[in-house]
PDB file of N, CA and C in Angstrom:
ATOM      1  N   MET A   1     188.942  75.239  74.724  1.00  0.00           N
ATOM      2  CA  MET A   1     187.738  74.818  75.400  1.00  0.00           C
ATOM      3  C   MET A   1     187.498  75.775  76.565  1.00  0.00           C
ATOM      4  N   ILE A   2     186.292  76.192  76.790  1.00  0.00           N
ATOM      5  CA  ILE A   2     185.930  77.110  77.869  1.00  0.00           C
ATOM      6  C   ILE A   2     184.920  76.410  78.757  1.00  0.00           C
ATOM      7  N   ASN A   3     185.229  76.365  80.048  1.00  0.00           N
ATOM      8  CA  ASN A   3     184.322  75.755  81.014  1.00  0.00           C
ATOM      9  C   ASN A   3     183.733  76.848  81.890  1.00  0.00           C
ATOM     10  N   ASN A   4     182.444  76.918  81.993  1.00  0.00           N
ATOM     11  CA  ASN A   4     181.769  77.829  82.910  1.00  0.00           C
ATOM     12  C   ASN A   4     181.294  77.013  84.097  1.00  0.00           C
ATOM     13  N   LYS A   5     181.716  77.424  85.285  1.00  0.00           N
ATOM     14  CA  LYS A   5     181.301  76.703  86.480  1.00  0.00           C
ATOM     15  C   LYS A   5     180.663  77.696  87.441  1.00  0.00           C
ATOM     16  N   THR A   6     179.580  77.303  88.034  1.00  0.00           N
ATOM     17  CA  THR A   6     178.874  78.136  89.005  1.00  0.00           C
ATOM     18  C   THR A   6     178.635  77.293  90.248  1.00  0.00           C
ATOM     19  N   PHE A   7     179.008  77.828  91.411  1.00  0.00           N
ATOM     20  CA  PHE A   7     178.817  77.130  92.679  1.00  0.00           C
ATOM     21  C   PHE A   7     178.034  78.036  93.608  1.00  0.00           C
ATOM     22  N   ASP A   8     177.167  77.450  94.375  1.00  0.00           N
ATOM     23  CA  ASP A   8     176.368  78.215  95.322  1.00  0.00           C
ATOM     24  C   ASP A   8     176.645  77.675  96.716  1.00  0.00           C
ATOM     25  N   ASN A   9     177.540  78.329  97.456  1.00  0.00           N
ATOM     26  CA  ASN A   9     177.868  77.948  98.838  1.00  0.00           C
ATOM     27  C   ASN A   9     177.489  79.089  99.761  1.00  0.00           C
ATOM     28  N   ASP A  10     176.668  78.816 100.735  1.00  0.00           N
ATOM     29  CA  ASP A  10     176.264  79.821 101.721  1.00  0.00           C
ATOM     30  C   ASP A  10     175.702  81.075 101.061  1.00  0.00           C
ATOM     31  N   ASN A  11     174.881  80.900 100.070  1.00  0.00           N
ATOM     32  CA  ASN A  11     174.232  82.001  99.356  1.00  0.00           C
ATOM     33  C   ASN A  11     175.229  82.947  98.694  1.00  0.00           C
ATOM     34  N   VAL A  12     176.424  82.478  98.398  1.00  0.00           N
ATOM     35  CA  VAL A  12     177.402  83.267  97.667  1.00  0.00           C
ATOM     36  C   VAL A  12     177.654  82.529  96.363  1.00  0.00           C
ATOM     37  N   THR A  13     177.540  83.217  95.267  1.00  0.00           N
ATOM     38  CA  THR A  13     177.700  82.571  93.966  1.00  0.00           C
ATOM     39  C   THR A  13     179.071  82.911  93.410  1.00  0.00           C
ATOM     40  N   TYR A  14     179.775  81.889  92.989  1.00  0.00           N
ATOM     41  CA  TYR A  14     181.099  82.064  92.402  1.00  0.00           C
ATOM     42  C   TYR A  14     180.987  81.746  90.905  1.00  0.00           C
ATOM     43  N   ASN A  15     181.337  82.681  90.087  1.00  0.00           N
ATOM     44  CA  ASN A  15     181.376  82.467  88.639  1.00  0.00           C
ATOM     45  C   ASN A  15     182.801  82.672  88.174  1.00  0.00           C
ATOM     46  N   TYR A  16     183.319  81.718  87.480  1.00  0.00           N
ATOM     47  CA  TYR A  16     184.641  81.892  86.916  1.00  0.00           C
ATOM     48  C   TYR A  16     184.752  81.054  85.664  1.00  0.00           C
ATOM     49  N   GLN A  17     185.735  81.363  84.862  1.00  0.00           N
ATOM     50  CA  GLN A  17     185.951  80.669  83.611  1.00  0.00           C
ATOM     51  C   GLN A  17     187.371  80.134  83.588  1.00  0.00           C
ATOM     52  N   GLN A  18     187.501  79.028  82.926  1.00  0.00           N
ATOM     53  CA  GLN A  18     188.818  78.444  82.738  1.00  0.00           C
ATOM     54  C   GLN A  18     188.990  78.240  81.240  1.00  0.00           C
ATOM     55  N   SER A  19     190.044  78.780  80.737  1.00  0.00           N
ATOM     56  CA  SER A  19     190.271  78.675  79.303  1.00  0.00           C
ATOM     57  C   SER A  19     191.588  77.953  79.084  1.00  0.00           C
ATOM     58  N   MET A  20     191.528  76.837  78.378  1.00  0.00           N
ATOM     59  CA  MET A  20     192.741  76.127  78.021  1.00  0.00           C
ATOM     60  C   MET A  20     192.466  75.313  76.762  1.00  0.00           C
ATOM     61  N   SER A  21     193.498  75.122  76.049  1.00  0.00           N
ATOM     62  CA  SER A  21     193.382  74.293  74.856  1.00  0.00           C
ATOM     63  C   SER A  21     194.450  73.216  74.951  1.00  0.00           C
ATOM     64  N   TYR A  22     194.046  72.004  74.733  1.00  0.00           N
ATOM     65  CA  TYR A  22     194.983  70.900  74.784  1.00  0.00           C
ATOM     66  C   TYR A  22     194.487  69.816  73.842  1.00  0.00           C
ATOM     67  N   SER A  23     195.387  68.981  73.485  1.00  0.00           N
ATOM     68  CA  SER A  23     194.997  67.864  72.631  1.00  0.00           C
ATOM     69  C   SER A  23     195.095  66.594  73.448  1.00  0.00           C
ATOM     70  N   ASP A  24     194.164  65.722  73.240  1.00  0.00           N
ATOM     71  CA  ASP A  24     194.122  64.475  73.983  1.00  0.00           C
ATOM     72  C   ASP A  24     194.810  63.370  73.181  1.00  0.00           C
ATOM     73  N   SER A  25     195.756  63.790  72.335  1.00  0.00           N
ATOM     74  CA  SER A  25     196.389  62.823  71.453  1.00  0.00           C
ATOM     75  C   SER A  25     197.374  61.933  72.187  1.00  0.00           C
ATOM     76  N   ASN A  26     197.983  62.450  73.259  1.00  0.00           N
ATOM     77  CA  ASN A  26     198.952  61.651  74.007  1.00  0.00           C
ATOM     78  C   ASN A  26     198.269  60.742  75.016  1.00  0.00           C
ATOM     79  N   ASN A  27     196.969  60.954  75.264  1.00  0.00           N
ATOM     80  CA  ASN A  27     196.191  60.162  76.215  1.00  0.00           C
ATOM     81  C   ASN A  27     196.808  60.212  77.614  1.00  0.00           C
ATOM     82  N   MET A  28     197.147  61.417  78.000  1.00  0.00           N
ATOM     83  CA  MET A  28     197.794  61.613  79.297  1.00  0.00           C
ATOM     84  C   MET A  28     196.820  62.290  80.271  1.00  0.00           C
ATOM     85  N   GLY A  29     195.568  61.950  80.232  1.00  0.00           N
ATOM     86  CA  GLY A  29     194.587  62.536  81.138  1.00  0.00           C
ATOM     87  C   GLY A  29     194.221  63.947  80.771  1.00  0.00           C
ATOM     88  N   GLY A  30     194.294  64.282  79.519  1.00  0.00           N
ATOM     89  CA  GLY A  30     193.940  65.621  79.077  1.00  0.00           C
ATOM     90  C   GLY A  30     195.094  66.581  79.203  1.00  0.00           C
ATOM     91  N   CYS A  31     196.252  66.125  79.428  1.00  0.00           N
ATOM     92  CA  CYS A  31     197.408  66.971  79.642  1.00  0.00           C
ATOM     93  C   CYS A  31     198.220  67.023  78.356  1.00  0.00           C
ATOM     94  N   GLN A  32     198.550  68.226  77.932  1.00  0.00           N
ATOM     95  CA  GLN A  32     199.419  68.345  76.764  1.00  0.00           C
ATOM     96  C   GLN A  32     200.847  68.304  77.267  1.00  0.00           C
ATOM     97  N   CYS A  33     201.457  67.174  77.161  1.00  0.00           N
ATOM     98  CA  CYS A  33     202.778  66.997  77.734  1.00  0.00           C
ATOM     99  C   CYS A  33     203.836  67.078  76.645  1.00  0.00           C
ATOM    100  N   ASN A  34     204.813  67.836  76.941  1.00  0.00           N
ATOM    101  CA  ASN A  34     205.962  68.003  76.071  1.00  0.00           C
ATOM    102  C   ASN A  34     207.104  67.264  76.744  1.00  0.00           C
ATOM    103  N   PRO A  35     207.912  66.488  76.023  1.00  0.00           N
ATOM    104  CA  PRO A  35     208.999  65.769  76.677  1.00  0.00           C
ATOM    105  C   PRO A  35     209.943  66.676  77.440  1.00  0.00           C
ATOM    106  N   CYS A  36     210.040  67.930  77.089  1.00  0.00           N
ATOM    107  CA  CYS A  36     210.927  68.857  77.801  1.00  0.00           C
ATOM    108  C   CYS A  36     210.216  69.562  78.938  1.00  0.00           C
ATOM    109  N   GLU A  37     208.886  69.446  78.976  1.00  0.00           N
ATOM    110  CA  GLU A  37     208.104  70.184  79.977  1.00  0.00           C
ATOM    111  C   GLU A  37     207.247  69.197  80.749  1.00  0.00           C
ATOM    112  N   THR A  38     207.281  69.243  82.084  1.00  0.00           N
ATOM    113  CA  THR A  38     206.506  68.302  82.884  1.00  0.00           C
ATOM    114  C   THR A  38     205.357  68.969  83.631  1.00  0.00           C
ATOM    115  N   VAL A  39     205.043  70.202  83.319  1.00  0.00           N
ATOM    116  CA  VAL A  39     203.965  70.923  84.004  1.00  0.00           C
ATOM    117  C   VAL A  39     202.703  70.840  83.167  1.00  0.00           C
ATOM    118  N   CYS A  40     201.641  70.367  83.759  1.00  0.00           N
ATOM    119  CA  CYS A  40     200.347  70.291  83.088  1.00  0.00           C
ATOM    120  C   CYS A  40     199.566  71.565  83.357  1.00  0.00           C
ATOM    121  N   PRO A  41     198.554  71.843  82.588  1.00  0.00           N
ATOM    122  CA  PRO A  41     197.705  73.009  82.871  1.00  0.00           C
ATOM    123  C   PRO A  41     196.984  72.821  84.203  1.00  0.00           C
ATOM    124  N   PRO A  42     196.684  73.903  84.903  1.00  0.00           N
ATOM    125  CA  PRO A  42     196.041  73.786  86.212  1.00  0.00           C
ATOM    126  C   PRO A  42     194.615  73.261  86.096  1.00  0.00           C
ATOM    127  N   ILE A  43     194.214  72.527  87.109  1.00  0.00           N
ATOM    128  CA  ILE A  43     192.848  72.032  87.198  1.00  0.00           C
ATOM    129  C   ILE A  43     192.121  72.923  88.191  1.00  0.00           C
ATOM    130  N   CYS A  44     191.012  73.451  87.768  1.00  0.00           N
ATOM    131  CA  CYS A  44     190.252  74.353  88.623  1.00  0.00           C
ATOM    132  C   CYS A  44     189.321  73.526  89.504  1.00  0.00           C
ATOM    133  N   GLU A  45     189.529  73.591  90.801  1.00  0.00           N
ATOM    134  CA  GLU A  45     188.746  72.821  91.763  1.00  0.00           C
ATOM    135  C   GLU A  45     187.541  73.633  92.233  1.00  0.00           C
ATOM    136  N   CYS A  46     186.645  72.954  92.918  1.00  0.00           N
ATOM    137  CA  CYS A  46     185.479  73.627  93.497  1.00  0.00           C
ATOM    138  C   CYS A  46     185.928  74.504  94.659  1.00  0.00           C
ATOM    139  N   PRO A  47     185.288  75.649  94.835  1.00  0.00           N
ATOM    140  CA  PRO A  47     185.645  76.509  95.980  1.00  0.00           C
ATOM    141  C   PRO A  47     185.310  75.819  97.292  1.00  0.00           C
ATOM    142  N   GLN A  48     186.110  76.087  98.288  1.00  0.00           N
ATOM    143  CA  GLN A  48     185.883  75.543  99.620  1.00  0.00           C
ATOM    144  C   GLN A  48     185.434  76.660 100.542  1.00  0.00           C
ATOM    145  N   ASN A  49     184.567  76.302 101.456  1.00  0.00           N
ATOM    146  CA  ASN A  49     184.098  77.273 102.442  1.00  0.00           C
ATOM    147  C   ASN A  49     184.749  76.955 103.768  1.00  0.00           C
ATOM    148  N   LYS A  50     185.449  77.906 104.329  1.00  0.00           N
ATOM    149  CA  LYS A  50     186.074  77.722 105.625  1.00  0.00           C
ATOM    150  C   LYS A  50     185.349  78.603 106.630  1.00  0.00           C
ATOM    151  N   VAL A  51     185.117  78.072 107.808  1.00  0.00           N
ATOM    152  CA  VAL A  51     184.405  78.798 108.860  1.00  0.00           C
ATOM    153  C   VAL A  51     185.395  79.121 109.963  1.00  0.00           C
ATOM    154  N   CYS A  52     185.451  80.360 110.320  1.00  0.00           N
ATOM    155  CA  CYS A  52     186.331  80.809 111.398  1.00  0.00           C
ATOM    156  C   CYS A  52     185.438  81.212 112.576  1.00  0.00           C
ATOM    157  N   HIS A  53     185.556  80.497 113.672  1.00  0.00           N
ATOM    158  CA  HIS A  53     184.776  80.814 114.877  1.00  0.00           C
ATOM    159  C   HIS A  53     185.597  81.745 115.755  1.00  0.00           C
ATOM    160  N   ARG A  54     184.986  82.832 116.157  1.00  0.00           N
ATOM    161  CA  ARG A  54     185.652  83.775 117.051  1.00  0.00           C
ATOM    162  C   ARG A  54     184.844  83.873 118.329  1.00  0.00           C
ATOM    163  N   VAL A  55     185.528  83.973 119.437  1.00  0.00           N
ATOM    164  CA  VAL A  55     184.870  84.084 120.734  1.00  0.00           C
ATOM    165  C   VAL A  55     185.187  85.458 121.296  1.00  0.00           C
ATOM    166  N   MET A  56     184.147  86.207 121.624  1.00  0.00           N
ATOM    167  CA  MET A  56     184.303  87.519 122.236  1.00  0.00           C
ATOM    168  C   MET A  56     183.883  87.415 123.700  1.00  0.00           C
ATOM    169  N   ASN A  57     184.758  87.813 124.593  1.00  0.00           N
ATOM    170  CA  ASN A  57     184.445  87.791 126.023  1.00  0.00           C
ATOM    171  C   ASN A  57     184.137  89.204 126.490  1.00  0.00           C
ATOM    172  N   TYR A  58     183.060  89.323 127.230  1.00  0.00           N
ATOM    173  CA  TYR A  58     182.639  90.617 127.758  1.00  0.00           C
ATOM    174  C   TYR A  58     182.510  90.508 129.267  1.00  0.00           C
ATOM    175  N   THR A  59     182.877  91.549 129.946  1.00  0.00           N
ATOM    176  CA  THR A  59     182.700  91.618 131.393  1.00  0.00           C
ATOM    177  C   THR A  59     181.525  92.540 131.666  1.00  0.00           C
ATOM    178  N   VAL A  60     180.540  92.022 132.365  1.00  0.00           N
ATOM    179  CA  VAL A  60     179.353  92.808 132.706  1.00  0.00           C
ATOM    180  C   VAL A  60     179.317  92.940 134.222  1.00  0.00           C
ATOM    181  N   PRO A  61     179.627  94.121 134.749  1.00  0.00           N
ATOM    182  CA  PRO A  61     179.582  94.275 136.213  1.00  0.00           C
ATOM    183  C   PRO A  61     178.136  94.362 136.703  1.00  0.00           C
ATOM    184  N   HIS A  62     177.874  93.685 137.792  1.00  0.00           N
ATOM    185  CA  HIS A  62     176.552  93.717 138.423  1.00  0.00           C
ATOM    186  C   HIS A  62     176.706  94.353 139.797  1.00  0.00           C
ATOM    187  N   LEU A  63     175.888  95.336 140.069  1.00  0.00           N
ATOM    188  CA  LEU A  63     175.882  95.984 141.378  1.00  0.00           C
ATOM    189  C   LEU A  63     174.745  95.391 142.193  1.00  0.00           C
ATOM    190  N   ILE A  64     175.082  94.903 143.364  1.00  0.00           N
ATOM    191  CA  ILE A  64     174.080  94.300 144.224  1.00  0.00           C
ATOM    192  C   ILE A  64     174.031  95.113 145.514  1.00  0.00           C
ATOM    193  N   PRO A  65     172.991  95.919 145.708  1.00  0.00           N
ATOM    194  CA  PRO A  65     172.884  96.654 146.965  1.00  0.00           C
ATOM    195  C   PRO A  65     172.562  95.700 148.115  1.00  0.00           C
ATOM    196  N   ILE A  66     173.325  95.809 149.174  1.00  0.00           N
ATOM    197  CA  ILE A  66     173.116  94.936 150.334  1.00  0.00           C
ATOM    198  C   ILE A  66     172.868  95.836 151.543  1.00  0.00           C
ATOM    199  N   ASN A  67     171.732  95.655 152.165  1.00  0.00           N
ATOM    200  CA  ASN A  67     171.383  96.404 153.363  1.00  0.00           C
ATOM    201  C   ASN A  67     171.529  95.476 154.565  1.00  0.00           C
ATOM    202  N   THR A  68     172.198  95.975 155.582  1.00  0.00           N
ATOM    203  CA  THR A  68     172.358  95.195 156.802  1.00  0.00           C
ATOM    204  C   THR A  68     171.468  95.798 157.876  1.00  0.00           C
ATOM    205  N   THR A  69     170.637  94.971 158.467  1.00  0.00           N
ATOM    206  CA  THR A  69     169.781  95.386 159.567  1.00  0.00           C
ATOM    207  C   THR A  69     170.302  94.728 160.830  1.00  0.00           C
ATOM    208  N   VAL A  70     170.601  95.545 161.815  1.00  0.00           N
ATOM    209  CA  VAL A  70     171.089  95.031 163.091  1.00  0.00           C
ATOM    210  C   VAL A  70     169.905  94.992 164.047  1.00  0.00           C
ATOM    211  N   VAL A  71     169.619  93.837 164.589  1.00  0.00           N
ATOM    212  CA  VAL A  71     168.525  93.666 165.539  1.00  0.00           C
ATOM    213  C   VAL A  71     169.155  93.478 166.916  1.00  0.00           C
ATOM    214  N   ASN A  72     168.891  94.412 167.807  1.00  0.00           N
ATOM    215  CA  ASN A  72     169.392  94.328 169.175  1.00  0.00           C
ATOM    216  C   ASN A  72     168.328  93.662 170.039  1.00  0.00           C
ATOM    217  N   HIS A  73     168.652  92.544 170.592  1.00  0.00           N
ATOM    218  CA  HIS A  73     167.735  91.825 171.470  1.00  0.00           C
ATOM    219  C   HIS A  73     168.122  92.149 172.915  1.00  0.00           C
ATOM    220  N   HIS A  74     167.219  92.782 173.619  1.00  0.00           N
ATOM    221  CA  HIS A  74     167.437  93.106 175.025  1.00  0.00           C
ATOM    222  C   HIS A  74     166.742  92.036 175.853  1.00  0.00           C
ATOM    223  N   VAL A  75     167.509  91.257 176.531  1.00  0.00           N
ATOM    224  CA  VAL A  75     166.957  90.161 177.325  1.00  0.00           C
ATOM    225  C   VAL A  75     167.167  90.518 178.793  1.00  0.00           C
ATOM    226  N   TYR A  76     166.081  90.562 179.525  1.00  0.00           N
ATOM    227  CA  TYR A  76     166.133  90.842 180.958  1.00  0.00           C
ATOM    228  C   TYR A  76     165.989  89.520 181.691  1.00  0.00           C
ATOM    229  N   ASN A  77     167.027  89.115 182.334  1.00  0.00           N
ATOM    230  CA  ASN A  77     166.986  87.899 183.139  1.00  0.00           C
ATOM    231  C   ASN A  77     166.629  88.279 184.579  1.00  0.00           C
ATOM    232  N   HIS A  78     165.511  87.834 185.010  1.00  0.00           N
ATOM    233  CA  HIS A  78     165.035  88.160 186.349  1.00  0.00           C
ATOM    234  C   HIS A  78     165.520  87.100 187.325  1.00  0.00           C
ATOM    235  N   THR A  79     166.109  87.552 188.359  1.00  0.00           N
ATOM    236  CA  THR A  79     166.531  86.640 189.425  1.00  0.00           C
ATOM    237  C   THR A  79     165.771  87.018 190.691  1.00  0.00           C
ATOM    238  N   TYR A  80     165.559  86.036 191.493  1.00  0.00           N
ATOM    239  CA  TYR A  80     164.818  86.252 192.732  1.00  0.00           C
ATOM    240  C   TYR A  80     165.724  85.900 193.891  1.00  0.00           C
ATOM    241  N   THR A  81     165.897  86.840 194.729  1.00  0.00           N
ATOM    242  CA  THR A  81     166.653  86.629 195.955  1.00  0.00           C
ATOM    243  C   THR A  81     165.679  86.789 197.122  1.00  0.00           C
ATOM    244  N   PRO A  82     165.501  85.726 197.887  1.00  0.00           N
ATOM    245  CA  PRO A  82     164.546  85.864 198.994  1.00  0.00           C
ATOM    246  C   PRO A  82     165.130  86.749 200.109  1.00  0.00           C
ATOM    247  N   VAL A  83     164.319  87.579 200.577  1.00  0.00           N
ATOM    248  CA  VAL A  83     164.689  88.446 201.696  1.00  0.00           C
ATOM    249  C   VAL A  83     163.842  87.977 202.876  1.00  0.00           C
ATOM    250  N   PHE A  84     164.527  87.460 203.858  1.00  0.00           N
ATOM    251  CA  PHE A  84     163.819  86.918 205.017  1.00  0.00           C
ATOM    252  C   PHE A  84     163.644  88.009 206.054  1.00  0.00           C
ATOM    253  N   SER A  85     162.508  87.948 206.583  1.00  0.00           N
ATOM    254  CA  SER A  85     162.249  88.843 207.722  1.00  0.00           C
ATOM    255  C   SER A  85     161.610  88.014 208.833  1.00  0.00           C
ATOM    256  N   THR A  86     161.773  88.466 210.006  1.00  0.00           N
ATOM    257  CA  THR A  86     161.208  87.759 211.158  1.00  0.00           C
ATOM    258  C   THR A  86     160.288  88.732 211.882  1.00  0.00           C
ATOM    259  N   SER A  87     159.205  88.256 212.156  1.00  0.00           N
ATOM    260  CA  SER A  87     158.288  89.084 212.943  1.00  0.00           C
ATOM    261  C   SER A  87     157.845  88.303 214.171  1.00  0.00           C
ATOM    262  N   TYR A  88     157.634  89.002 215.205  1.00  0.00           N
ATOM    263  CA  TYR A  88     157.243  88.387 216.469  1.00  0.00           C
ATOM    264  C   TYR A  88     155.888  88.923 216.864  1.00  0.00           C
ATOM    265  N   VAL A  89     155.148  88.017 217.326  1.00  0.00           N
ATOM    266  CA  VAL A  89     153.849  88.412 217.854  1.00  0.00           C
ATOM    267  C   VAL A  89     153.825  87.997 219.327  1.00  0.00           C
ATOM    268  N   ASP A  90     153.491  88.883 220.112  1.00  0.00           N
ATOM    269  CA  ASP A  90     153.364  88.583 221.551  1.00  0.00           C
ATOM    270  C   ASP A  90     151.887  88.511 221.884  1.00  0.00           C
ATOM    271  N   GLU A  91     151.559  87.425 222.414  1.00  0.00           N
ATOM    272  CA  GLU A  91     150.187  87.291 222.877  1.00  0.00           C
ATOM    273  C   GLU A  91     150.200  87.337 224.427  1.00  0.00           C
ATOM    274  N   VAL A  92     149.352  88.066 224.852  1.00  0.00           N
ATOM    275  CA  VAL A  92     149.269  88.216 226.319  1.00  0.00           C
ATOM    276  C   VAL A  92     147.928  87.640 226.779  1.00  0.00           C
ATOM    277  N   GLU A  93     148.044  86.905 227.810  1.00  0.00           N
ATOM    278  CA  GLU A  93     146.834  86.290 228.359  1.00  0.00           C
ATOM    279  C   GLU A  93     146.722  86.712 229.840  1.00  0.00           C
ATOM    280  N   ASN A  94     145.644  87.085 230.159  1.00  0.00           N
ATOM    281  CA  ASN A  94     145.395  87.466 231.547  1.00  0.00           C
ATOM    282  C   ASN A  94     144.453  86.435 232.183  1.00  0.00           C
ATOM    283  N   THR A  95     144.851  85.956 233.196  1.00  0.00           N
ATOM    284  CA  THR A  95     143.995  85.022 233.907  1.00  0.00           C
ATOM    285  C   THR A  95     143.682  85.618 235.289  1.00  0.00           C
ATOM    286  N   TYR A  96     142.521  85.449 235.704  1.00  0.00           N
ATOM    287  CA  TYR A  96     142.091  85.967 237.012  1.00  0.00           C
ATOM    288  C   TYR A  96     141.583  84.799 237.829  1.00  0.00           C
ATOM    289  N   ASN A  97     142.042  84.721 238.956  1.00  0.00           N
ATOM    290  CA  ASN A  97     141.502  83.754 239.886  1.00  0.00           C
ATOM    291  C   ASN A  97     140.383  84.469 240.670  1.00  0.00           C
ATOM    292  N   ARG A  98     139.268  83.991 240.565  1.00  0.00           N
ATOM    293  CA  ARG A  98     138.161  84.639 241.247  1.00  0.00           C
ATOM    294  C   ARG A  98     138.028  84.030 242.622  1.00  0.00           C
ATOM    295  N   CYS A  99     138.331  84.789 243.276  1.00  0.00           N
ATOM    296  CA  CYS A  99     138.162  84.359 244.676  1.00  0.00           C
ATOM    297  C   CYS A  99     137.008  85.178 245.285  1.00  0.00           C
ATOM    298  N   CYS A 100     136.156  84.478 245.873  1.00  0.00           N
ATOM    299  CA  CYS A 100     135.037  85.170 246.485  1.00  0.00           C
ATOM    300  C   CYS A 100     135.126  85.188 247.981  1.00  0.00           C
TER     301      CYS A 100
END
């Protein structure tokens, strides 16, 4: 007996054939069993798809130009110191007695 099986997984087509001849006279699930032999013919299963995830790490250096501006604040604090001065005024008065 020849079985043709075709599977379409992830857009990949698998074609394979399995060829075996057996008699179902012993009614052992399609297995031709010999009392001296306990190995049955292989059963061809459906293909399995395994996904392998890989992580790639990349280092991307970033250059950041930094400009520093220095602002000089000149603060003039004004103080007031009083300077005292003294001035004198002399007033002169002349009086005349009129005598006649």
